[in-house]
Amino acid sequence: MGQLTEIRWHGRGGQGAKTAALLLADVAFSIGKYVQGFPEYGPERMGAPITAYDRISDVSIRVHSNIYEPDFVVVVDDTLLHDVDVTSGLKEEGAILINTEKEKEEILPLLKDYQGAVYTINAKKVCMETMGKYFPNMPMLAAVVKISGVMEQEVFRKEMEASLQHKFEKKPEVFAGNMQALLQAWEEVTFIGSAANRQMSRIYAAQASGLGA
């Protein structure tokens, strides 16, 4: 069976988690992958917790359910760590990516003894430095592509450049800011380890040091 990567997104309404999941599916499809990208529908009011999913595979995908045992989890808003069981079903050989300004000492205790790798990125910092506005979905998209390895950096950059050029054809300044956010996020995503599984942490730290090289 070909490689299948399953990703679950947790965010709040208005933060763009659903948009990022769909965009990731589009980009993966454009390089010849089999994909699924979809939200879990429910109350979509501003600020309400939302969930979205991606499946990316080298072969046809036959399952059409929600994702209950993801390889990777993306948390777009760290306040969800208090309200949602974001690590539910998350594979220990996988990883969780969290948008946060907090230190690892504050984050790790909130993950219910999850034993896989934990990554963080300060998406607000990236957004304000590159776009001047806070749209966390773009930095989170680049960061999860990096840690999941679903495509190489240069392939991702080229496909996103083509997609965003079309989307923001009449807003070149918006296009430039989004591209800068993607590239900066790729460099700033940080492995913070996992106290529960030091061997796995060392493996992911070694992988992270080589990503984007």
Protein backbone atom coordinates (compact mmCIF):
# COMPACT_ATOMS: atom_id res chain seq x y z
CA MET A 1 0.00 0.00 0.00
CA GLY A 2 1.27 3.49 -0.86
CA GLN A 3 2.13 6.10 1.72
CA LEU A 4 -0.97 7.66 3.32
CA THR A 5 -0.68 10.73 5.54
CA GLU A 6 -3.66 11.83 7.63
CA ILE A 7 -3.80 15.29 9.18
CA ARG A 8 -6.38 16.73 11.56
CA TRP A 9 -6.77 20.48 12.03
CA HIS A 10 -8.17 22.17 15.13
CA GLY A 11 -8.98 25.87 15.02
CA ARG A 12 -11.66 28.43 15.73
CA GLY A 13 -14.12 29.89 13.27
CA GLY A 14 -12.54 32.76 11.34
CA GLN A 15 -8.92 31.61 11.69
CA GLY A 16 -8.76 29.85 8.33
CA ALA A 17 -8.14 26.25 9.43
CA LYS A 18 -10.70 24.95 6.95
CA THR A 19 -9.20 27.08 4.18
CA ALA A 20 -5.70 25.80 4.96
CA ALA A 21 -6.84 22.18 4.89
CA LEU A 22 -8.52 22.65 1.52
CA LEU A 23 -5.52 24.51 0.14
CA LEU A 24 -3.17 21.74 1.25
CA ALA A 25 -5.35 19.21 -0.56
CA ASP A 26 -5.33 21.36 -3.71
CA VAL A 27 -1.55 21.74 -3.67
CA ALA A 28 -0.98 18.02 -3.07
CA PHE A 29 -3.40 17.18 -5.89
CA SER A 30 -1.49 19.47 -8.23
CA ILE A 31 1.66 17.37 -7.78
CA GLY A 32 -0.14 14.11 -8.53
CA LYS A 33 -1.21 12.93 -5.09
CA TYR A 34 -4.56 11.40 -4.22
CA VAL A 35 -6.21 13.72 -1.72
CA GLN A 36 -9.15 14.44 0.52
CA GLY A 37 -9.64 17.77 2.24
CA PHE A 38 -12.81 18.51 4.16
CA PRO A 39 -14.21 20.19 7.30
CA GLU A 40 -16.34 18.62 9.99
CA TYR A 41 -19.51 20.61 9.71
CA GLY A 42 -21.15 22.04 12.79
CA PRO A 43 -21.79 25.49 14.29
CA GLU A 44 -19.44 27.72 12.30
CA ARG A 45 -19.87 30.91 14.28
CA MET A 46 -16.85 33.15 14.75
CA GLY A 47 -14.59 31.80 17.47
CA ALA A 48 -16.30 28.41 17.81
CA PRO A 49 -14.04 25.31 17.68
CA ILE A 50 -13.87 23.74 14.23
CA THR A 51 -12.17 20.63 12.86
CA ALA A 52 -10.88 19.92 9.35
CA TYR A 53 -9.06 17.01 7.76
CA ASP A 54 -6.55 16.09 5.05
CA ARG A 55 -5.70 12.73 3.56
CA ILE A 56 -2.74 12.67 1.16
CA SER A 57 -1.71 9.43 -0.52
CA ASP A 58 0.34 7.93 -3.32
CA VAL A 59 -2.53 5.56 -4.18
CA SER A 60 -6.30 5.83 -4.38
CA ILE A 61 -7.99 6.58 -1.05
CA ARG A 62 -10.88 4.26 -0.28
CA VAL A 63 -11.87 5.47 3.19
CA HIS A 64 -14.26 8.42 3.47
CA SER A 65 -14.76 8.90 7.20
CA ASN A 66 -13.46 11.57 9.53
CA ILE A 67 -9.90 11.01 10.72
CA TYR A 68 -9.76 9.42 14.17
CA GLU A 69 -6.11 8.32 14.31
CA PRO A 70 -4.17 11.08 12.54
CA ASP A 71 -0.47 11.06 11.81
CA PHE A 72 -0.32 14.80 12.47
CA VAL A 73 -2.46 17.30 14.35
CA VAL A 74 -2.40 21.06 13.75
CA VAL A 75 -3.66 23.35 16.52
CA VAL A 76 -4.23 26.84 15.13
CA ASP A 77 -5.26 28.34 18.48
CA ASP A 78 -3.54 27.25 21.69
CA THR A 79 -6.60 28.08 23.83
CA LEU A 80 -8.11 24.91 22.37
CA LEU A 81 -5.65 22.88 24.43
CA HIS A 82 -7.86 23.62 27.43
CA ASP A 83 -11.17 22.86 25.69
CA VAL A 84 -10.56 20.09 23.13
CA ASP A 85 -8.79 16.73 23.35
CA VAL A 86 -6.50 17.58 20.44
CA THR A 87 -4.28 14.53 20.93
CA SER A 88 -7.18 12.05 20.75
CA GLY A 89 -6.08 9.14 18.56
CA LEU A 90 -2.85 10.89 17.53
CA LYS A 91 -0.22 8.31 16.64
CA GLU A 92 2.85 8.30 18.85
CA GLU A 93 5.09 8.10 15.79
CA GLY A 94 3.36 11.22 14.49
CA ALA A 95 3.53 14.79 15.74
CA ILE A 96 1.48 17.73 16.93
CA LEU A 97 2.02 21.31 15.73
CA ILE A 98 0.79 24.17 17.92
CA ASN A 99 0.49 27.88 17.20
CA THR A 100 1.59 29.52 20.44
CA GLU A 101 3.66 32.22 22.05
CA LYS A 102 4.06 30.12 25.21
CA GLU A 103 7.16 28.26 26.34
CA LYS A 104 7.34 24.47 26.19
CA GLU A 105 7.01 24.23 29.98
CA GLU A 106 3.49 25.64 29.63
CA ILE A 107 2.53 23.59 26.55
CA LEU A 108 3.72 20.04 27.25
CA PRO A 109 1.63 19.51 30.41
CA LEU A 110 -1.52 20.30 28.42
CA LEU A 111 -1.04 17.40 25.99
CA LYS A 112 -2.29 14.58 28.24
CA ASP A 113 0.98 12.62 28.22
CA TYR A 114 1.12 12.46 24.44
CA GLN A 115 4.33 10.58 23.68
CA GLY A 116 5.12 11.76 20.16
CA ALA A 117 6.90 14.81 18.85
CA VAL A 118 5.69 18.32 19.64
CA TYR A 119 6.37 21.33 17.45
CA THR A 120 5.42 24.96 17.95
CA ILE A 121 5.42 28.12 15.90
CA ASN A 122 4.54 31.69 16.78
CA ALA A 123 2.25 32.30 13.82
CA LYS A 124 1.24 35.74 15.11
CA LYS A 125 4.85 36.92 15.01
CA VAL A 126 5.29 35.54 11.48
CA CYS A 127 2.06 37.16 10.27
CA MET A 128 2.76 40.59 11.71
CA GLU A 129 6.31 40.63 10.34
CA THR A 130 5.31 39.56 6.84
CA MET A 131 1.70 40.62 6.28
CA GLY A 132 0.96 43.16 8.99
CA LYS A 133 -2.24 41.26 9.82
CA TYR A 134 -2.94 38.12 11.78
CA PHE A 135 -4.00 35.26 9.50
CA PRO A 136 -2.49 32.17 11.19
CA ASN A 137 -3.53 29.63 8.56
CA MET A 138 -0.70 30.44 6.13
CA PRO A 139 2.16 29.94 8.62
CA MET A 140 0.48 26.81 9.96
CA LEU A 141 0.14 25.41 6.44
CA ALA A 142 3.85 25.80 5.72
CA ALA A 143 4.80 24.42 9.13
CA VAL A 144 2.73 21.23 8.82
CA VAL A 145 4.04 20.58 5.32
CA LYS A 146 7.55 20.80 6.73
CA ILE A 147 7.07 18.48 9.70
CA SER A 148 4.93 15.96 7.81
CA GLY A 149 7.21 15.76 4.79
CA VAL A 150 4.27 15.44 2.39
CA MET A 151 6.26 17.44 -0.14
CA GLU A 152 9.66 19.06 -0.45
CA GLN A 153 10.12 22.75 0.31
CA GLU A 154 10.86 23.85 -3.23
CA VAL A 155 7.89 21.93 -4.65
CA PHE A 156 5.64 23.47 -2.00
CA ARG A 157 6.98 26.95 -2.70
CA LYS A 158 6.41 26.69 -6.44
CA GLU A 159 2.90 25.29 -6.12
CA MET A 160 1.87 27.87 -3.53
CA GLU A 161 3.36 30.65 -5.62
CA ALA A 162 1.24 29.60 -8.60
CA SER A 163 -1.89 29.24 -6.47
CA LEU A 164 -1.53 32.56 -4.66
CA GLN A 165 -0.57 34.47 -7.79
CA HIS A 166 -3.86 33.43 -9.32
CA LYS A 167 -5.85 34.16 -6.17
CA PHE A 168 -4.30 37.58 -5.56
CA GLU A 169 -3.72 38.59 -9.18
CA LYS A 170 -5.01 42.11 -8.49
CA LYS A 171 -3.42 42.40 -5.05
CA PRO A 172 0.33 41.91 -5.54
CA GLU A 173 1.12 43.22 -2.07
CA VAL A 174 -1.12 40.54 -0.52
CA PHE A 175 0.54 37.87 -2.65
CA ALA A 176 4.01 38.98 -1.54
CA GLY A 177 3.06 39.01 2.14
CA ASN A 178 1.54 35.54 2.00
CA MET A 179 4.59 34.10 0.27
CA GLN A 180 6.90 35.69 2.82
CA ALA A 181 4.77 34.25 5.63
CA LEU A 182 5.04 30.75 4.15
CA LEU A 183 8.80 30.95 3.73
CA GLN A 184 9.42 32.45 7.17
CA ALA A 185 7.18 29.91 8.86
CA TRP A 186 9.14 27.09 7.23
CA GLU A 187 12.25 28.36 9.01
CA GLU A 188 10.68 29.21 12.36
CA VAL A 189 8.76 26.03 13.21
CA THR A 190 10.46 24.63 16.33
CA PHE A 191 10.73 21.13 17.78
CA ILE A 192 10.19 21.34 21.56
CA GLY A 193 10.45 17.62 22.31
CA SER A 194 8.38 15.25 24.39
CA ALA A 195 9.20 14.45 27.98
CA ALA A 196 7.27 11.18 27.71
CA ASN A 197 9.27 9.69 24.86
CA ARG A 198 12.84 10.91 24.70
CA GLN A 199 13.96 8.37 22.08
CA MET A 200 11.23 9.51 19.67
CA SER A 201 12.11 13.11 20.46
CA ARG A 202 15.70 12.53 19.41
CA ILE A 203 14.55 10.99 16.13
CA TYR A 204 12.31 13.95 15.34
CA ALA A 205 14.95 16.43 16.39
CA ALA A 206 17.37 14.83 13.93
CA GLN A 207 14.73 14.92 11.21
CA ALA A 208 13.88 18.52 11.94
CA SER A 209 17.52 19.60 11.66
CA GLY A 210 17.61 18.20 8.12
CA LEU A 211 14.28 19.53 6.89
CA GLY A 212 14.62 22.23 4.31
CA ALA A 213 18.37 21.68 4.04
